[in-house]
N, C-alpha and C. Protein backbone atom coordinates (compact mmCIF):
# COMPACT_ATOMS: atom_id res chain seq x y z
N UNK A 1 27.76 3.51 -0.03
CA UNK A 1 28.39 4.55 -0.84
C UNK A 1 27.59 4.99 -2.02
N UNK A 2 27.54 6.33 -2.13
CA UNK A 2 26.69 6.64 -3.44
C UNK A 2 27.84 7.20 -4.49
N UNK A 3 27.62 6.84 -5.72
CA UNK A 3 28.74 7.04 -6.64
C UNK A 3 27.87 7.49 -7.96
N UNK A 4 28.52 8.72 -8.44
CA UNK A 4 27.92 9.23 -9.83
C UNK A 4 28.85 8.56 -11.11
N UNK A 5 28.23 7.92 -11.93
CA UNK A 5 28.92 7.21 -13.02
C UNK A 5 28.98 8.26 -14.20
N UNK A 6 30.22 8.47 -14.68
CA UNK A 6 30.37 9.37 -15.84
C UNK A 6 29.81 8.39 -16.93
N UNK A 7 29.51 9.10 -18.08
CA UNK A 7 28.79 8.50 -19.25
C UNK A 7 29.60 7.13 -19.56
N UNK A 8 30.78 7.46 -19.90
CA UNK A 8 31.77 6.25 -20.29
C UNK A 8 31.80 5.22 -19.28
N UNK A 9 31.83 5.65 -18.02
CA UNK A 9 31.84 4.45 -16.89
C UNK A 9 30.54 3.64 -16.96
N UNK A 10 29.50 4.33 -17.29
CA UNK A 10 28.05 3.56 -17.37
C UNK A 10 28.20 2.64 -18.52
N UNK A 11 28.69 3.14 -19.64
CA UNK A 11 28.80 2.29 -20.74
C UNK A 11 29.74 1.06 -20.74
N UNK A 12 30.85 1.37 -19.97
CA UNK A 12 31.78 0.39 -19.64
C UNK A 12 31.19 -0.74 -18.66
N UNK A 13 30.51 -0.24 -17.60
CA UNK A 13 29.85 -1.09 -16.66
C UNK A 13 28.87 -2.17 -17.41
N UNK A 14 28.09 -1.64 -18.35
CA UNK A 14 27.35 -2.46 -19.09
C UNK A 14 27.87 -3.30 -20.12
N UNK A 15 28.90 -2.94 -20.81
CA UNK A 15 29.29 -3.81 -21.87
C UNK A 15 30.81 -4.37 -21.61
N UNK A 16 31.59 -3.68 -20.90
CA UNK A 16 33.02 -4.03 -20.72
C UNK A 16 33.45 -3.70 -19.27
N UNK A 17 32.90 -4.29 -18.26
CA UNK A 17 33.08 -3.93 -16.85
C UNK A 17 34.68 -4.06 -16.43
N UNK A 18 35.31 -4.83 -17.18
CA UNK A 18 36.82 -4.95 -16.92
C UNK A 18 37.54 -3.60 -17.09
N UNK A 19 36.85 -2.80 -17.85
CA UNK A 19 37.55 -1.50 -18.09
C UNK A 19 37.34 -0.51 -16.98
N UNK A 20 36.57 -0.84 -16.03
CA UNK A 20 36.37 -0.06 -14.76
C UNK A 20 37.67 -0.39 -13.94
N UNK A 21 38.54 -1.29 -14.32
CA UNK A 21 39.82 -1.49 -13.49
C UNK A 21 39.49 -1.86 -12.02
N UNK A 22 40.14 -1.08 -11.23
CA UNK A 22 40.18 -1.10 -9.72
C UNK A 22 38.78 -0.86 -9.25
N UNK A 23 37.94 -0.20 -9.99
CA UNK A 23 36.69 0.35 -9.41
C UNK A 23 35.54 -0.70 -9.82
N UNK A 24 35.84 -1.78 -10.51
CA UNK A 24 34.76 -2.74 -11.06
C UNK A 24 34.13 -3.38 -9.77
N UNK A 25 34.82 -3.74 -8.74
CA UNK A 25 34.28 -4.40 -7.58
C UNK A 25 33.47 -3.21 -6.82
N UNK A 26 33.81 -2.06 -6.85
CA UNK A 26 32.85 -1.04 -6.14
C UNK A 26 31.52 -0.88 -6.94
N UNK A 27 31.64 -0.85 -8.18
CA UNK A 27 30.47 -0.58 -8.99
C UNK A 27 29.58 -1.95 -8.93
N UNK A 28 30.09 -3.22 -8.73
CA UNK A 28 29.28 -4.22 -8.58
C UNK A 28 28.76 -4.60 -7.21
N UNK A 29 29.45 -3.83 -6.27
CA UNK A 29 29.09 -4.10 -4.80
C UNK A 29 27.51 -3.60 -4.58
N UNK A 30 26.81 -4.57 -4.12
CA UNK A 30 25.38 -4.39 -3.94
C UNK A 30 25.00 -3.12 -2.96
N UNK A 31 26.03 -2.75 -1.97
CA UNK A 31 25.76 -1.75 -1.15
C UNK A 31 26.27 -0.39 -1.79
N UNK A 32 26.73 -0.33 -2.93
CA UNK A 32 26.85 1.01 -3.60
C UNK A 32 25.66 1.45 -4.37
N UNK A 33 25.31 2.72 -4.13
CA UNK A 33 24.23 3.17 -4.83
C UNK A 33 24.86 4.05 -6.11
N UNK A 34 24.56 3.41 -7.14
CA UNK A 34 25.13 3.84 -8.43
C UNK A 34 24.13 4.84 -9.15
N UNK A 35 24.58 6.06 -9.45
CA UNK A 35 23.70 7.01 -10.10
C UNK A 35 24.14 7.36 -11.58
N UNK A 36 23.04 7.60 -12.35
CA UNK A 36 23.37 8.01 -13.65
C UNK A 36 22.54 9.23 -13.87
N UNK A 37 23.25 10.40 -14.24
CA UNK A 37 22.69 11.62 -14.58
C UNK A 37 21.78 11.63 -15.79
N UNK A 38 20.70 12.36 -15.70
CA UNK A 38 19.91 12.39 -16.94
C UNK A 38 20.67 13.11 -18.01
N UNK A 39 21.73 13.81 -17.67
CA UNK A 39 22.72 14.44 -18.76
C UNK A 39 23.50 13.26 -19.39
N UNK A 40 23.65 12.16 -18.75
CA UNK A 40 24.49 11.10 -19.45
C UNK A 40 23.54 10.46 -20.38
N UNK A 41 22.36 10.48 -20.05
CA UNK A 41 21.39 9.72 -20.99
C UNK A 41 21.08 10.69 -22.16
N UNK A 42 21.13 11.89 -22.03
CA UNK A 42 21.01 12.82 -23.06
C UNK A 42 22.30 12.70 -24.04
N UNK A 43 23.33 12.66 -23.23
CA UNK A 43 24.68 12.53 -24.08
C UNK A 43 24.61 11.21 -25.03
N UNK A 44 24.34 10.18 -24.26
CA UNK A 44 24.31 8.89 -24.89
C UNK A 44 23.19 8.94 -26.16
N UNK A 45 22.04 9.54 -26.00
CA UNK A 45 21.09 9.63 -27.08
C UNK A 45 21.64 10.36 -28.33
N UNK A 46 22.24 11.63 -27.91
CA UNK A 46 22.72 12.45 -29.13
C UNK A 46 23.76 11.78 -29.76
N UNK A 47 24.82 11.12 -29.06
CA UNK A 47 25.94 10.35 -29.78
C UNK A 47 25.52 9.27 -30.64
N UNK A 48 24.41 8.65 -29.98
CA UNK A 48 24.11 7.41 -30.80
C UNK A 48 23.22 7.89 -32.03
N UNK A 49 22.31 8.97 -32.05
CA UNK A 49 21.81 9.48 -32.97
C UNK A 49 22.51 10.05 -34.10
N UNK A 50 23.72 10.55 -33.79
CA UNK A 50 24.76 11.22 -34.67
C UNK A 50 25.56 10.05 -35.27
N UNK A 51 25.67 8.80 -34.75
CA UNK A 51 26.42 7.73 -35.29
C UNK A 51 27.76 7.55 -34.65
N UNK A 52 28.02 8.38 -33.55
CA UNK A 52 29.30 8.42 -32.87
C UNK A 52 29.37 7.41 -31.73
N UNK A 53 28.17 6.81 -31.49
CA UNK A 53 28.26 5.73 -30.48
C UNK A 53 27.39 4.61 -30.94
N UNK A 54 28.02 3.45 -31.05
CA UNK A 54 27.22 2.33 -31.47
C UNK A 54 26.49 1.55 -30.34
N UNK A 55 25.37 1.22 -30.14
CA UNK A 55 24.66 0.54 -29.13
C UNK A 55 23.85 -0.52 -29.95
N UNK A 56 23.62 -1.72 -29.20
CA UNK A 56 22.98 -2.84 -29.64
C UNK A 56 21.46 -2.59 -30.02
N UNK A 57 20.86 -1.31 -29.58
CA UNK A 57 19.54 -1.24 -29.84
C UNK A 57 19.36 0.41 -29.64
N UNK A 58 18.17 1.05 -29.96
CA UNK A 58 18.08 2.36 -29.80
C UNK A 58 18.32 2.93 -28.14
N UNK A 59 18.88 4.02 -28.05
CA UNK A 59 19.21 4.55 -26.72
C UNK A 59 18.05 4.48 -25.76
N UNK A 60 16.89 4.75 -26.20
CA UNK A 60 15.75 4.91 -25.48
C UNK A 60 15.38 3.46 -24.89
N UNK A 61 15.80 2.47 -25.45
CA UNK A 61 15.44 1.16 -24.80
C UNK A 61 16.65 0.60 -23.99
N UNK A 62 17.98 0.83 -24.65
CA UNK A 62 19.25 0.45 -24.11
C UNK A 62 19.52 0.88 -22.68
N UNK A 63 19.41 2.21 -22.57
CA UNK A 63 19.73 2.94 -21.27
C UNK A 63 18.92 2.46 -20.20
N UNK A 64 17.61 2.52 -20.28
CA UNK A 64 16.85 2.12 -19.08
C UNK A 64 16.91 0.61 -18.82
N UNK A 65 17.15 -0.16 -19.79
CA UNK A 65 17.48 -1.68 -19.72
C UNK A 65 18.71 -1.88 -18.87
N UNK A 66 19.85 -1.23 -19.27
CA UNK A 66 21.16 -1.27 -18.53
C UNK A 66 20.95 -0.75 -17.14
N UNK A 67 20.24 0.34 -16.90
CA UNK A 67 20.08 0.84 -15.63
C UNK A 67 19.32 -0.24 -14.63
N UNK A 68 18.19 -0.99 -15.13
CA UNK A 68 17.44 -1.96 -14.44
C UNK A 68 18.42 -3.06 -14.25
N UNK A 69 19.26 -3.50 -15.15
CA UNK A 69 20.11 -4.73 -14.99
C UNK A 69 21.27 -4.45 -13.85
N UNK A 70 21.90 -3.13 -14.00
CA UNK A 70 23.00 -2.95 -13.06
C UNK A 70 22.41 -2.19 -11.70
N UNK A 71 21.13 -2.02 -11.66
CA UNK A 71 20.56 -1.38 -10.48
C UNK A 71 21.06 0.10 -10.32
N UNK A 72 21.17 0.75 -11.40
CA UNK A 72 21.56 2.04 -11.48
C UNK A 72 20.39 2.97 -11.25
N UNK A 73 20.58 3.85 -10.41
CA UNK A 73 19.38 5.09 -10.18
C UNK A 73 19.45 6.26 -11.01
N UNK A 74 18.54 6.73 -11.53
CA UNK A 74 18.45 7.84 -12.32
C UNK A 74 18.56 9.04 -11.50
N UNK A 75 19.39 10.02 -11.95
CA UNK A 75 19.69 11.29 -11.27
C UNK A 75 19.19 12.45 -12.19
N UNK A 76 17.86 13.11 -11.91
CA UNK A 76 17.44 14.12 -12.48
C UNK A 76 18.41 15.39 -12.56
N UNK A 77 18.30 16.16 -13.57
CA UNK A 77 19.01 17.42 -13.62
C UNK A 77 17.94 18.54 -13.11
N UNK A 78 18.26 19.00 -11.86
CA UNK A 78 17.50 20.13 -11.35
C UNK A 78 18.13 21.45 -11.55
N UNK A 79 17.32 22.45 -11.44
CA UNK A 79 17.70 23.89 -11.72
C UNK A 79 18.91 24.20 -10.84
N UNK A 80 19.09 23.80 -9.66
CA UNK A 80 20.28 24.16 -8.98
C UNK A 80 21.37 23.60 -9.53
N UNK A 81 21.46 22.26 -10.16
CA UNK A 81 22.47 21.76 -10.76
C UNK A 81 22.97 22.54 -12.03
N UNK A 82 21.87 22.66 -12.76
CA UNK A 82 22.31 23.39 -14.09
C UNK A 82 22.82 24.85 -13.60
N UNK A 83 22.27 25.55 -12.80
CA UNK A 83 22.86 26.89 -12.48
C UNK A 83 24.09 26.93 -11.81
N UNK A 84 24.49 25.76 -11.09
CA UNK A 84 25.75 25.66 -10.46
C UNK A 84 26.98 25.50 -11.41
N UNK A 85 26.60 25.27 -12.69
CA UNK A 85 27.62 25.04 -13.77
C UNK A 85 28.36 26.50 -13.87
N UNK A 86 27.57 27.65 -13.79
CA UNK A 86 28.08 28.95 -14.06
C UNK A 86 29.24 29.32 -13.04
N UNK A 87 29.05 28.69 -11.92
CA UNK A 87 30.36 28.94 -10.90
C UNK A 87 31.44 28.05 -10.99
N UNK A 88 31.50 27.18 -11.98
CA UNK A 88 32.67 26.34 -12.22
C UNK A 88 33.73 27.05 -12.95
N UNK A 89 34.93 26.88 -12.48
CA UNK A 89 36.08 27.34 -13.38
C UNK A 89 36.00 26.69 -14.83
N UNK A 90 36.70 27.30 -15.72
CA UNK A 90 36.64 26.79 -17.14
C UNK A 90 37.82 25.68 -17.33
N UNK A 91 37.79 24.74 -16.53
CA UNK A 91 38.87 23.72 -16.75
C UNK A 91 38.41 22.77 -17.78
N UNK A 92 37.13 22.65 -18.09
CA UNK A 92 36.57 21.67 -19.07
C UNK A 92 35.54 22.38 -19.86
N UNK A 93 35.57 22.16 -21.10
CA UNK A 93 34.51 22.62 -22.05
C UNK A 93 33.26 22.02 -22.32
N UNK A 94 33.37 20.50 -21.91
CA UNK A 94 32.15 19.78 -22.33
C UNK A 94 31.09 20.01 -21.47
N UNK A 95 29.85 20.45 -21.88
CA UNK A 95 28.83 20.78 -21.06
C UNK A 95 28.24 19.61 -20.20
N UNK A 96 28.24 18.38 -20.71
CA UNK A 96 27.74 17.27 -20.09
C UNK A 96 28.67 16.94 -18.81
N UNK A 97 29.97 17.05 -18.87
CA UNK A 97 30.77 16.80 -17.93
C UNK A 97 30.73 17.91 -16.86
N UNK A 98 30.69 19.21 -17.35
CA UNK A 98 30.65 20.22 -16.45
C UNK A 98 29.18 20.11 -15.47
N UNK A 99 28.29 19.55 -16.14
CA UNK A 99 26.89 19.36 -15.39
C UNK A 99 27.16 18.18 -14.38
N UNK A 100 28.00 17.24 -14.82
CA UNK A 100 28.21 16.11 -13.84
C UNK A 100 29.06 16.51 -12.53
N UNK A 101 30.05 17.49 -12.86
CA UNK A 101 30.80 18.04 -11.80
C UNK A 101 29.76 18.80 -10.87
N UNK A 102 29.05 19.51 -11.39
CA UNK A 102 28.16 20.46 -10.55
C UNK A 102 27.25 19.41 -9.81
N UNK A 103 26.73 18.38 -10.43
CA UNK A 103 25.90 17.36 -9.64
C UNK A 103 26.54 16.78 -8.39
N UNK A 104 27.74 16.33 -8.77
CA UNK A 104 28.56 15.66 -7.86
C UNK A 104 28.84 16.50 -6.72
N UNK A 105 29.25 17.89 -6.92
CA UNK A 105 29.48 18.87 -5.86
C UNK A 105 28.16 19.08 -5.13
N UNK A 106 26.98 19.28 -5.60
CA UNK A 106 25.68 19.57 -5.09
C UNK A 106 25.34 18.54 -4.31
N UNK A 107 25.57 17.14 -4.62
CA UNK A 107 25.19 16.03 -3.84
C UNK A 107 26.27 15.44 -2.90
N UNK A 108 27.52 16.06 -3.06
CA UNK A 108 28.55 15.54 -2.30
C UNK A 108 28.88 13.96 -2.46
N UNK A 109 29.11 13.61 -3.79
CA UNK A 109 29.29 12.14 -4.17
C UNK A 109 30.51 12.33 -5.02
N UNK A 110 31.30 11.16 -5.11
CA UNK A 110 32.39 11.11 -6.03
C UNK A 110 31.67 10.74 -7.46
N UNK A 111 32.54 11.09 -8.52
CA UNK A 111 32.36 10.57 -9.83
C UNK A 111 33.43 9.51 -10.28
N UNK A 112 32.96 8.53 -10.83
CA UNK A 112 33.68 7.55 -11.44
C UNK A 112 33.94 7.89 -12.92
N UNK A 113 35.21 8.15 -13.19
CA UNK A 113 35.45 8.71 -14.58
C UNK A 113 37.03 8.43 -14.85
N UNK A 114 37.36 8.21 -16.09
CA UNK A 114 38.73 8.14 -16.66
C UNK A 114 39.20 9.43 -17.18
N UNK A 115 38.20 10.47 -17.14
CA UNK A 115 38.56 11.83 -17.68
C UNK A 115 39.57 12.51 -16.77
N UNK A 116 40.56 12.82 -17.38
CA UNK A 116 41.72 13.45 -16.42
C UNK A 116 41.23 14.90 -16.12
N UNK A 117 40.31 15.53 -16.94
CA UNK A 117 39.86 16.98 -16.54
C UNK A 117 39.13 17.16 -15.39
N UNK A 118 38.48 15.81 -14.88
CA UNK A 118 37.64 16.07 -13.60
C UNK A 118 38.58 16.42 -12.49
N UNK A 119 39.86 16.06 -12.41
CA UNK A 119 40.90 16.17 -11.37
C UNK A 119 40.97 17.81 -11.08
N UNK A 120 40.86 18.53 -12.06
CA UNK A 120 40.96 20.11 -12.01
C UNK A 120 39.92 20.76 -11.07
N UNK A 121 38.71 20.04 -10.80
CA UNK A 121 37.61 20.54 -10.19
C UNK A 121 37.86 19.95 -8.65
N UNK A 122 36.86 20.78 -7.87
CA UNK A 122 36.88 20.52 -6.35
C UNK A 122 35.79 19.32 -6.14
N UNK A 123 36.19 18.18 -6.71
CA UNK A 123 35.20 16.94 -6.59
C UNK A 123 36.08 15.73 -6.53
N UNK A 124 35.56 14.69 -5.64
CA UNK A 124 36.39 13.51 -5.45
C UNK A 124 36.14 12.75 -6.89
N UNK A 125 37.19 12.12 -7.37
CA UNK A 125 37.07 11.40 -8.63
C UNK A 125 37.68 10.13 -8.37
N UNK A 126 36.92 9.07 -8.76
CA UNK A 126 37.41 7.72 -8.60
C UNK A 126 37.82 7.33 -10.01
N UNK A 127 39.01 6.90 -10.22
CA UNK A 127 39.67 6.56 -11.51
C UNK A 127 39.76 5.09 -11.78
N UNK A 128 39.25 4.70 -12.94
CA UNK A 128 39.37 3.05 -13.21
C UNK A 128 40.80 2.68 -13.12
């Protein structure tokens, strides 16, 4: 199974995997392909730089290290992903989350997220 991790799901998997609840086993399963969007890395970098997210080291070191440790694959933001955001209904105003929805739709993969706003979109959401 391929699975797109929301930003907070990635951070939870790294530091507090028990917060993934019923999805913890799925994330840990070696047969699961875990994806992290470049948009999530961008969001982490911005929030860390603004002091809104505490990390044990710089985001530029932390994110790649966690990706390596958890065997998470990077998902680039492609032009088709970015442009697909324009076709989404305005259920959610967060630009990072809207891009994740577009990527999940384009790739046909579920998103692991505790954010209830994702449920309003035509995308499979796995809830912790």
